[in-house]
């Protein structure tokens, strides 16, 4: 039985090839884009592609496959072209995931731009209330990702994520993806044992640990509270190995997917290296 460690994999050549790449790297879980991450409109997923993807997944031994929304989407944008395109793209994402049998979609909450953060947060909630109503066939969850808080990016604090969830008519449709680099850059000190415990207690009090359904495992090139999102190989950044050791040995998270988004290396060889380091942190 494979564990719940994995990585984000390319879909170059076809969605199903991401599964092959994950298995080759020794992953137990997989994250992917369901389309080109830098284009508004994705190619529709055909019936043949869907069948092949499901067949490969069932034969792979992977515990779970998670989707990540495309980077262009900003559901916090004011009414206008960007918001319209964002709603259409996320609607496509939910429809694709429902077809493929993917039950979790990670998303960046977006940027409030010239408005107050509270206005941006309300717009995200409003967008999802509309989307969940329009795509009832998506029965999974949207996972709001913790962010570093660069510029006007929303999601730097647990309170901001909770505001989106609490404001929605569909709170049961939300979970959270905890990115180790982003939360550290946002000011949550998980590098010490006391800081890790304080951070998780805070998360539990504000959001509830039951909603923590995914981790992104990235070391950080920048320091605590820098509000700069730069990923580094495990143990080679400002975080060091401690936060990963704490999570890997925290029984509460044993079955929560932990996804690498670290640099790949020239031939994707670094995924296997980083996965090996993480597995080596588990107490006997």
C-alpha atoms as a PDB file:
ATOM      1  CA  UNK A   1       0.000   0.000   0.000  1.00  0.00           C
ATOM      2  CA  UNK A   2       1.465   3.355  -1.031  1.00  0.00           C
ATOM      3  CA  UNK A   3       1.715   6.279   1.379  1.00  0.00           C
ATOM      4  CA  UNK A   4       0.235   9.756   1.028  1.00  0.00           C
ATOM      5  CA  UNK A   5       3.379  11.453  -0.310  1.00  0.00           C
ATOM      6  CA  UNK A   6       3.551  12.637  -3.891  1.00  0.00           C
ATOM      7  CA  UNK A   7       4.270  15.467  -6.303  1.00  0.00           C
ATOM      8  CA  UNK A   8       2.770  17.711  -8.943  1.00  0.00           C
ATOM      9  CA  UNK A   9       3.335  16.117 -12.348  1.00  0.00           C
ATOM     10  CA  UNK A  10       3.215  17.368 -15.921  1.00  0.00           C
ATOM     11  CA  UNK A  11       0.329  16.364 -18.217  1.00  0.00           C
ATOM     12  CA  UNK A  12       2.460  16.842 -21.364  1.00  0.00           C
ATOM     13  CA  UNK A  13       1.350  14.298 -23.967  1.00  0.00           C
ATOM     14  CA  UNK A  14      -1.904  13.488 -22.188  1.00  0.00           C
ATOM     15  CA  UNK A  15      -3.538  13.558 -18.774  1.00  0.00           C
ATOM     16  CA  UNK A  16      -2.886   9.844 -18.174  1.00  0.00           C
ATOM     17  CA  UNK A  17       0.883  10.339 -18.538  1.00  0.00           C
ATOM     18  CA  UNK A  18       0.934  12.320 -15.277  1.00  0.00           C
ATOM     19  CA  UNK A  19      -0.086   9.064 -13.561  1.00  0.00           C
ATOM     20  CA  UNK A  20       2.829   7.202 -15.215  1.00  0.00           C
ATOM     21  CA  UNK A  21       5.235   9.943 -14.115  1.00  0.00           C
ATOM     22  CA  UNK A  22       3.941   9.817 -10.545  1.00  0.00           C
ATOM     23  CA  UNK A  23       4.322   6.028 -10.346  1.00  0.00           C
ATOM     24  CA  UNK A  24       7.851   6.225 -11.831  1.00  0.00           C
ATOM     25  CA  UNK A  25       8.888   8.779  -9.167  1.00  0.00           C
ATOM     26  CA  UNK A  26       7.536   6.594  -6.337  1.00  0.00           C
ATOM     27  CA  UNK A  27       4.531   8.752  -5.491  1.00  0.00           C
ATOM     28  CA  UNK A  28       1.568   7.624  -3.421  1.00  0.00           C
ATOM     29  CA  UNK A  29      -0.547  10.645  -4.431  1.00  0.00           C
ATOM     30  CA  UNK A  30      -0.543  12.936  -7.464  1.00  0.00           C
ATOM     31  CA  UNK A  31      -1.399  16.549  -8.202  1.00  0.00           C
ATOM     32  CA  UNK A  32      -1.923  17.811 -11.761  1.00  0.00           C
ATOM     33  CA  UNK A  33      -3.476  20.514 -13.899  1.00  0.00           C
ATOM     34  CA  UNK A  34      -6.363  19.232 -15.999  1.00  0.00           C
ATOM     35  CA  UNK A  35      -5.347  21.682 -18.777  1.00  0.00           C
ATOM     36  CA  UNK A  36      -2.576  24.090 -19.810  1.00  0.00           C
ATOM     37  CA  UNK A  37      -2.119  26.261 -16.706  1.00  0.00           C
ATOM     38  CA  UNK A  38      -1.352  29.419 -18.704  1.00  0.00           C
ATOM     39  CA  UNK A  39      -4.369  29.483 -21.033  1.00  0.00           C
ATOM     40  CA  UNK A  40      -7.897  30.553 -20.174  1.00  0.00           C
ATOM     41  CA  UNK A  41      -9.631  27.884 -22.216  1.00  0.00           C
ATOM     42  CA  UNK A  42      -8.697  24.239 -21.908  1.00  0.00           C
ATOM     43  CA  UNK A  43      -9.227  21.521 -24.468  1.00  0.00           C
ATOM     44  CA  UNK A  44     -12.357  19.576 -23.454  1.00  0.00           C
ATOM     45  CA  UNK A  45     -11.556  16.196 -21.891  1.00  0.00           C
ATOM     46  CA  UNK A  46     -12.810  13.577 -24.361  1.00  0.00           C
ATOM     47  CA  UNK A  47     -14.584  10.357 -23.432  1.00  0.00           C
ATOM     48  CA  UNK A  48     -11.546   8.373 -24.603  1.00  0.00           C
ATOM     49  CA  UNK A  49      -9.190  10.504 -22.469  1.00  0.00           C
ATOM     50  CA  UNK A  50     -11.518  10.103 -19.482  1.00  0.00           C
ATOM     51  CA  UNK A  51     -11.694   6.322 -19.847  1.00  0.00           C
ATOM     52  CA  UNK A  52      -7.901   5.996 -20.208  1.00  0.00           C
ATOM     53  CA  UNK A  53      -7.287   8.273 -17.210  1.00  0.00           C
ATOM     54  CA  UNK A  54      -9.654   6.307 -14.968  1.00  0.00           C
ATOM     55  CA  UNK A  55      -8.196   2.993 -16.129  1.00  0.00           C
ATOM     56  CA  UNK A  56      -4.627   4.155 -15.420  1.00  0.00           C
ATOM     57  CA  UNK A  57      -5.610   5.546 -12.021  1.00  0.00           C
ATOM     58  CA  UNK A  58      -7.304   2.339 -10.877  1.00  0.00           C
ATOM     59  CA  UNK A  59      -4.250   0.296 -11.923  1.00  0.00           C
ATOM     60  CA  UNK A  60      -1.685   2.728 -10.470  1.00  0.00           C
ATOM     61  CA  UNK A  61      -2.013   2.027  -6.740  1.00  0.00           C
ATOM     62  CA  UNK A  62      -2.123   5.799  -6.105  1.00  0.00           C
ATOM     63  CA  UNK A  63      -4.157   6.787  -3.064  1.00  0.00           C
ATOM     64  CA  UNK A  64      -5.563   9.963  -4.539  1.00  0.00           C
ATOM     65  CA  UNK A  65      -5.366  12.394  -7.466  1.00  0.00           C
ATOM     66  CA  UNK A  66      -5.812  16.110  -6.800  1.00  0.00           C
ATOM     67  CA  UNK A  67      -6.273  18.898  -9.345  1.00  0.00           C
ATOM     68  CA  UNK A  68      -4.870  22.427  -9.127  1.00  0.00           C
ATOM     69  CA  UNK A  69      -6.704  25.312 -10.783  1.00  0.00           C
ATOM     70  CA  UNK A  70      -4.920  27.384 -13.436  1.00  0.00           C
ATOM     71  CA  UNK A  71      -2.875  30.399 -12.336  1.00  0.00           C
ATOM     72  CA  UNK A  72      -4.853  32.956 -14.371  1.00  0.00           C
ATOM     73  CA  UNK A  73      -8.028  32.578 -12.305  1.00  0.00           C
ATOM     74  CA  UNK A  74      -8.904  35.397  -9.907  1.00  0.00           C
ATOM     75  CA  UNK A  75     -12.335  34.926  -8.351  1.00  0.00           C
ATOM     76  CA  UNK A  76     -11.726  37.994  -6.149  1.00  0.00           C
ATOM     77  CA  UNK A  77     -11.649  40.267  -9.213  1.00  0.00           C
ATOM     78  CA  UNK A  78     -14.337  42.941  -9.570  1.00  0.00           C
ATOM     79  CA  UNK A  79     -17.103  42.531 -12.178  1.00  0.00           C
ATOM     80  CA  UNK A  80     -15.612  42.605 -15.679  1.00  0.00           C
ATOM     81  CA  UNK A  81     -13.620  40.499 -18.129  1.00  0.00           C
ATOM     82  CA  UNK A  82     -11.193  38.914 -15.649  1.00  0.00           C
ATOM     83  CA  UNK A  83     -14.002  37.829 -13.348  1.00  0.00           C
ATOM     84  CA  UNK A  84     -16.077  36.469 -16.232  1.00  0.00           C
ATOM     85  CA  UNK A  85     -13.109  34.494 -17.596  1.00  0.00           C
ATOM     86  CA  UNK A  86     -12.242  33.259 -14.088  1.00  0.00           C
ATOM     87  CA  UNK A  87     -15.775  31.986 -13.476  1.00  0.00           C
ATOM     88  CA  UNK A  88     -15.853  30.251 -16.873  1.00  0.00           C
ATOM     89  CA  UNK A  89     -12.426  28.644 -16.307  1.00  0.00           C
ATOM     90  CA  UNK A  90     -13.294  27.396 -12.826  1.00  0.00           C
ATOM     91  CA  UNK A  91     -16.645  26.096 -14.078  1.00  0.00           C
ATOM     92  CA  UNK A  92     -14.693  24.117 -16.710  1.00  0.00           C
ATOM     93  CA  UNK A  93     -12.367  22.859 -13.979  1.00  0.00           C
ATOM     94  CA  UNK A  94     -15.208  21.563 -11.817  1.00  0.00           C
ATOM     95  CA  UNK A  95     -16.892  19.930 -14.817  1.00  0.00           C
ATOM     96  CA  UNK A  96     -13.615  18.252 -15.892  1.00  0.00           C
ATOM     97  CA  UNK A  97     -12.916  16.980 -12.380  1.00  0.00           C
ATOM     98  CA  UNK A  98     -16.455  15.592 -12.069  1.00  0.00           C
ATOM     99  CA  UNK A  99     -15.936  13.732 -15.365  1.00  0.00           C
ATOM    100  CA  UNK A 100     -12.480  12.409 -14.414  1.00  0.00           C
ATOM    101  CA  UNK A 101     -13.474  11.353 -10.901  1.00  0.00           C
ATOM    102  CA  UNK A 102     -11.158  13.871  -9.196  1.00  0.00           C
ATOM    103  CA  UNK A 103     -12.697  14.861  -5.857  1.00  0.00           C
ATOM    104  CA  UNK A 104     -10.370  17.681  -4.747  1.00  0.00           C
ATOM    105  CA  UNK A 105      -9.398  20.921  -6.484  1.00  0.00           C
ATOM    106  CA  UNK A 106      -6.728  23.179  -4.950  1.00  0.00           C
ATOM    107  CA  UNK A 107      -7.129  26.887  -5.694  1.00  0.00           C
ATOM    108  CA  UNK A 108      -5.439  30.185  -4.845  1.00  0.00           C
ATOM    109  CA  UNK A 109      -8.067  32.491  -3.307  1.00  0.00           C
ATOM    110  CA  UNK A 110      -7.067  35.340  -5.641  1.00  0.00           C
ATOM    111  CA  UNK A 111      -6.132  39.008  -5.297  1.00  0.00           C
ATOM    112  CA  UNK A 112      -8.296  41.845  -4.000  1.00  0.00           C
ATOM    113  CA  UNK A 113      -6.458  44.379  -6.232  1.00  0.00           C
ATOM    114  CA  UNK A 114      -7.636  47.966  -5.542  1.00  0.00           C
ATOM    115  CA  UNK A 115     -10.450  46.920  -3.211  1.00  0.00           C
ATOM    116  CA  UNK A 116     -10.366  46.173   0.524  1.00  0.00           C
ATOM    117  CA  UNK A 117      -9.475  42.541   1.381  1.00  0.00           C
ATOM    118  CA  UNK A 118     -12.982  41.987   2.793  1.00  0.00           C
ATOM    119  CA  UNK A 119     -14.494  42.918  -0.576  1.00  0.00           C
ATOM    120  CA  UNK A 120     -12.237  40.427  -2.357  1.00  0.00           C
ATOM    121  CA  UNK A 121     -13.083  37.661   0.122  1.00  0.00           C
ATOM    122  CA  UNK A 122     -16.810  38.292  -0.319  1.00  0.00           C
ATOM    123  CA  UNK A 123     -16.383  38.089  -4.098  1.00  0.00           C
ATOM    124  CA  UNK A 124     -14.663  34.686  -3.800  1.00  0.00           C
ATOM    125  CA  UNK A 125     -17.519  33.367  -1.651  1.00  0.00           C
ATOM    126  CA  UNK A 126     -20.090  34.771  -4.067  1.00  0.00           C
ATOM    127  CA  UNK A 127     -18.279  33.142  -7.013  1.00  0.00           C
ATOM    128  CA  UNK A 128     -18.310  29.723  -5.379  1.00  0.00           C
ATOM    129  CA  UNK A 129     -21.948  29.972  -4.377  1.00  0.00           C
ATOM    130  CA  UNK A 130     -22.685  30.543  -8.065  1.00  0.00           C
ATOM    131  CA  UNK A 131     -20.318  27.787  -9.288  1.00  0.00           C
ATOM    132  CA  UNK A 132     -21.481  25.093  -6.878  1.00  0.00           C
ATOM    133  CA  UNK A 133     -25.048  25.816  -7.946  1.00  0.00           C
ATOM    134  CA  UNK A 134     -24.103  25.572 -11.639  1.00  0.00           C
ATOM    135  CA  UNK A 135     -22.038  22.377 -11.397  1.00  0.00           C
ATOM    136  CA  UNK A 136     -23.943  20.076  -9.017  1.00  0.00           C
ATOM    137  CA  UNK A 137     -22.246  17.032 -10.584  1.00  0.00           C
ATOM    138  CA  UNK A 138     -18.992  18.057  -8.857  1.00  0.00           C
ATOM    139  CA  UNK A 139     -19.494  16.343  -5.515  1.00  0.00           C
ATOM    140  CA  UNK A 140     -15.981  16.871  -4.195  1.00  0.00           C
ATOM    141  CA  UNK A 141     -14.292  19.751  -2.386  1.00  0.00           C
ATOM    142  CA  UNK A 142     -12.515  22.946  -3.291  1.00  0.00           C
ATOM    143  CA  UNK A 143      -9.357  23.345  -1.219  1.00  0.00           C
ATOM    144  CA  UNK A 144      -8.417  26.944  -0.477  1.00  0.00           C
ATOM    145  CA  UNK A 145      -4.636  27.236  -0.413  1.00  0.00           C
ATOM    146  CA  UNK A 146      -2.738  29.180   2.235  1.00  0.00           C
ATOM    147  CA  UNK A 147      -0.727  31.921   0.531  1.00  0.00           C
ATOM    148  CA  UNK A 148       2.386  33.969   1.296  1.00  0.00           C
ATOM    149  CA  UNK A 149       0.394  37.202   0.970  1.00  0.00           C
ATOM    150  CA  UNK A 150       2.439  38.741  -1.836  1.00  0.00           C
ATOM    151  CA  UNK A 151       0.958  41.968  -3.162  1.00  0.00           C
ATOM    152  CA  UNK A 152      -2.824  41.877  -2.706  1.00  0.00           C
ATOM    153  CA  UNK A 153      -3.052  38.061  -2.614  1.00  0.00           C
ATOM    154  CA  UNK A 154      -5.776  36.779  -0.288  1.00  0.00           C
ATOM    155  CA  UNK A 155      -5.289  33.743   1.969  1.00  0.00           C
ATOM    156  CA  UNK A 156      -2.290  34.893   4.018  1.00  0.00           C
ATOM    157  CA  UNK A 157      -4.120  34.334   7.299  1.00  0.00           C
ATOM    158  CA  UNK A 158      -6.285  31.469   8.498  1.00  0.00           C
ATOM    159  CA  UNK A 159      -8.956  34.088   9.259  1.00  0.00           C
ATOM    160  CA  UNK A 160      -9.176  35.060   5.577  1.00  0.00           C
ATOM    161  CA  UNK A 161      -9.701  31.461   4.488  1.00  0.00           C
ATOM    162  CA  UNK A 162     -12.324  30.952   7.184  1.00  0.00           C
ATOM    163  CA  UNK A 163     -14.149  34.100   6.032  1.00  0.00           C
ATOM    164  CA  UNK A 164     -14.632  32.554   2.574  1.00  0.00           C
ATOM    165  CA  UNK A 165     -15.915  29.286   4.068  1.00  0.00           C
ATOM    166  CA  UNK A 166     -18.156  30.873   6.699  1.00  0.00           C
ATOM    167  CA  UNK A 167     -19.716  33.262   4.189  1.00  0.00           C
ATOM    168  CA  UNK A 168     -20.720  30.502   1.777  1.00  0.00           C
ATOM    169  CA  UNK A 169     -24.051  28.735   1.398  1.00  0.00           C
ATOM    170  CA  UNK A 170     -21.985  25.576   0.818  1.00  0.00           C
ATOM    171  CA  UNK A 171     -19.451  25.443   3.694  1.00  0.00           C
ATOM    172  CA  UNK A 172     -19.313  21.639   3.435  1.00  0.00           C
ATOM    173  CA  UNK A 173     -17.765  21.988  -0.058  1.00  0.00           C
ATOM    174  CA  UNK A 174     -14.573  23.618   1.260  1.00  0.00           C
ATOM    175  CA  UNK A 175     -11.334  22.281   2.677  1.00  0.00           C
ATOM    176  CA  UNK A 176      -7.844  23.802   3.024  1.00  0.00           C
ATOM    177  CA  UNK A 177      -4.476  23.059   1.424  1.00  0.00           C
ATOM    178  CA  UNK A 178      -1.666  24.015   3.809  1.00  0.00           C
ATOM    179  CA  UNK A 179       1.441  25.083   1.868  1.00  0.00           C
ATOM    180  CA  UNK A 180       4.522  24.891   4.112  1.00  0.00           C
ATOM    181  CA  UNK A 181       6.449  27.577   2.195  1.00  0.00           C
ATOM    182  CA  UNK A 182       3.500  29.966   1.976  1.00  0.00           C
ATOM    183  CA  UNK A 183       2.444  29.774   5.625  1.00  0.00           C
ATOM    184  CA  UNK A 184       6.037  30.332   6.800  1.00  0.00           C
ATOM    185  CA  UNK A 185       6.460  33.300   4.436  1.00  0.00           C
ATOM    186  CA  UNK A 186       3.103  34.601   5.707  1.00  0.00           C
ATOM    187  CA  UNK A 187       4.469  34.665   9.276  1.00  0.00           C
ATOM    188  CA  UNK A 188       3.488  31.312  10.823  1.00  0.00           C
ATOM    189  CA  UNK A 189       6.662  29.914  12.427  1.00  0.00           C
ATOM    190  CA  UNK A 190       6.497  26.145  11.894  1.00  0.00           C
ATOM    191  CA  UNK A 191      10.290  25.732  12.056  1.00  0.00           C
ATOM    192  CA  UNK A 192      10.324  25.199  15.834  1.00  0.00           C
ATOM    193  CA  UNK A 193       8.312  22.556  17.685  1.00  0.00           C
ATOM    194  CA  UNK A 194       6.560  25.166  19.806  1.00  0.00           C
ATOM    195  CA  UNK A 195       5.820  27.283  16.732  1.00  0.00           C
ATOM    196  CA  UNK A 196       4.454  24.258  14.873  1.00  0.00           C
ATOM    197  CA  UNK A 197       2.134  23.367  17.747  1.00  0.00           C
ATOM    198  CA  UNK A 198       0.982  26.988  18.088  1.00  0.00           C
ATOM    199  CA  UNK A 199       0.309  27.205  14.340  1.00  0.00           C
ATOM    200  CA  UNK A 200      -1.745  23.999  14.296  1.00  0.00           C
ATOM    201  CA  UNK A 201      -3.672  25.046  17.411  1.00  0.00           C
ATOM    202  CA  UNK A 202      -4.443  28.352  15.704  1.00  0.00           C
ATOM    203  CA  UNK A 203      -5.570  26.557  12.524  1.00  0.00           C
ATOM    204  CA  UNK A 204      -7.790  24.258  14.575  1.00  0.00           C
ATOM    205  CA  UNK A 205      -9.337  27.113  16.515  1.00  0.00           C
ATOM    206  CA  UNK A 206     -10.027  29.295  13.449  1.00  0.00           C
ATOM    207  CA  UNK A 207     -10.791  26.774  10.697  1.00  0.00           C
ATOM    208  CA  UNK A 208     -10.746  23.295  12.255  1.00  0.00           C
ATOM    209  CA  UNK A 209      -8.131  20.611  11.535  1.00  0.00           C
ATOM    210  CA  UNK A 210     -10.871  18.452  10.032  1.00  0.00           C
ATOM    211  CA  UNK A 211     -10.748  20.788   7.015  1.00  0.00           C
ATOM    212  CA  UNK A 212      -6.990  20.345   6.476  1.00  0.00           C
ATOM    213  CA  UNK A 213      -7.164  17.872   3.582  1.00  0.00           C
ATOM    214  CA  UNK A 214      -3.907  18.506   1.714  1.00  0.00           C
ATOM    215  CA  UNK A 215      -0.370  19.765   2.236  1.00  0.00           C
ATOM    216  CA  UNK A 216       1.944  21.322  -0.312  1.00  0.00           C
ATOM    217  CA  UNK A 217       5.454  20.393   0.794  1.00  0.00           C
ATOM    218  CA  UNK A 218       7.897  23.131  -0.196  1.00  0.00           C
ATOM    219  CA  UNK A 219      10.883  24.605   1.592  1.00  0.00           C
ATOM    220  CA  UNK A 220      11.144  28.396   1.346  1.00  0.00           C
ATOM    221  CA  UNK A 221      13.906  30.435  -0.290  1.00  0.00           C
ATOM    222  CA  UNK A 222      12.874  33.418   1.831  1.00  0.00           C
ATOM    223  CA  UNK A 223      12.525  33.865   5.585  1.00  0.00           C
ATOM    224  CA  UNK A 224       9.717  33.916   8.125  1.00  0.00           C
ATOM    225  CA  UNK A 225       7.188  36.652   7.407  1.00  0.00           C
ATOM    226  CA  UNK A 226       8.899  37.650   4.121  1.00  0.00           C
ATOM    227  CA  UNK A 227       5.580  37.385   2.231  1.00  0.00           C
ATOM    228  CA  UNK A 228       7.572  36.110  -0.757  1.00  0.00           C
ATOM    229  CA  UNK A 229       6.530  32.857  -2.463  1.00  0.00           C
ATOM    230  CA  UNK A 230       9.694  31.043  -3.603  1.00  0.00           C
ATOM    231  CA  UNK A 231       9.909  27.264  -3.321  1.00  0.00           C
ATOM    232  CA  UNK A 232      13.104  25.388  -2.455  1.00  0.00           C
ATOM    233  CA  UNK A 233      14.143  21.732  -2.184  1.00  0.00           C
ATOM    234  CA  UNK A 234      13.221  20.016   1.090  1.00  0.00           C
ATOM    235  CA  UNK A 235      15.709  20.929   3.830  1.00  0.00           C
ATOM    236  CA  UNK A 236      17.626  23.418   1.655  1.00  0.00           C
ATOM    237  CA  UNK A 237      15.708  26.596   2.491  1.00  0.00           C
ATOM    238  CA  UNK A 238      14.771  28.784   5.439  1.00  0.00           C
ATOM    239  CA  UNK A 239      12.394  26.133   6.817  1.00  0.00           C
ATOM    240  CA  UNK A 240      14.938  23.320   7.114  1.00  0.00           C
ATOM    241  CA  UNK A 241      13.799  19.770   7.829  1.00  0.00           C
ATOM    242  CA  UNK A 242      11.913  20.391  11.080  1.00  0.00           C
ATOM    243  CA  UNK A 243       8.445  21.366   9.782  1.00  0.00           C
ATOM    244  CA  UNK A 244       8.419  18.348   7.462  1.00  0.00           C
ATOM    245  CA  UNK A 245       9.539  16.074  10.296  1.00  0.00           C
ATOM    246  CA  UNK A 246       6.749  17.415  12.512  1.00  0.00           C
ATOM    247  CA  UNK A 247       4.055  16.817   9.875  1.00  0.00           C
ATOM    248  CA  UNK A 248       5.400  13.416   8.768  1.00  0.00           C
ATOM    249  CA  UNK A 249       5.214  12.199  12.372  1.00  0.00           C
ATOM    250  CA  UNK A 250       1.895  13.841  13.267  1.00  0.00           C
ATOM    251  CA  UNK A 251      -0.662  11.014  13.451  1.00  0.00           C
ATOM    252  CA  UNK A 252      -3.478  13.477  12.703  1.00  0.00           C
ATOM    253  CA  UNK A 253      -2.123  13.889   9.171  1.00  0.00           C
ATOM    254  CA  UNK A 254      -1.043  10.326   8.338  1.00  0.00           C
ATOM    255  CA  UNK A 255      -3.709   9.988   5.631  1.00  0.00           C
ATOM    256  CA  UNK A 256      -3.620  13.585   4.364  1.00  0.00           C
ATOM    257  CA  UNK A 257      -1.988  13.972   0.903  1.00  0.00           C
ATOM    258  CA  UNK A 258       1.398  15.703   0.969  1.00  0.00           C
ATOM    259  CA  UNK A 259       2.387  17.086  -2.426  1.00  0.00           C
ATOM    260  CA  UNK A 260       5.821  18.314  -3.538  1.00  0.00           C
ATOM    261  CA  UNK A 261       5.958  21.464  -5.675  1.00  0.00           C
ATOM    262  CA  UNK A 262       9.752  21.742  -5.456  1.00  0.00           C
ATOM    263  CA  UNK A 263      12.114  22.246  -8.425  1.00  0.00           C
ATOM    264  CA  UNK A 264      12.131  19.189 -10.686  1.00  0.00           C
ATOM    265  CA  UNK A 265      15.772  19.003 -11.799  1.00  0.00           C
ATOM    266  CA  UNK A 266      16.856  18.439 -15.404  1.00  0.00           C
ATOM    267  CA  UNK A 267      15.111  15.090 -15.821  1.00  0.00           C
ATOM    268  CA  UNK A 268      12.535  15.248 -13.017  1.00  0.00           C
ATOM    269  CA  UNK A 269      15.027  13.335 -10.860  1.00  0.00           C
ATOM    270  CA  UNK A 270      14.615  15.632  -7.855  1.00  0.00           C
ATOM    271  CA  UNK A 271      11.095  14.425  -7.029  1.00  0.00           C
ATOM    272  CA  UNK A 272      12.440  10.994  -6.073  1.00  0.00           C
ATOM    273  CA  UNK A 273      15.269  12.658  -4.092  1.00  0.00           C
ATOM    274  CA  UNK A 274      12.893  14.920  -2.129  1.00  0.00           C
ATOM    275  CA  UNK A 275      10.438  12.061  -1.527  1.00  0.00           C
ATOM    276  CA  UNK A 276      13.308   9.966  -0.173  1.00  0.00           C
ATOM    277  CA  UNK A 277      14.350  12.734   2.227  1.00  0.00           C
ATOM    278  CA  UNK A 278      10.767  13.063   3.502  1.00  0.00           C
ATOM    279  CA  UNK A 279      10.338   9.323   4.020  1.00  0.00           C
ATOM    280  CA  UNK A 280      13.607   9.319   5.924  1.00  0.00           C
ATOM    281  CA  UNK A 281      12.121  11.739   8.470  1.00  0.00           C
ATOM    282  CA  UNK A 282       9.499   9.261   9.695  1.00  0.00           C
ATOM    283  CA  UNK A 283      10.243   7.989  13.187  1.00  0.00           C
ATOM    284  CA  UNK A 284      10.721   4.200  13.314  1.00  0.00           C
END
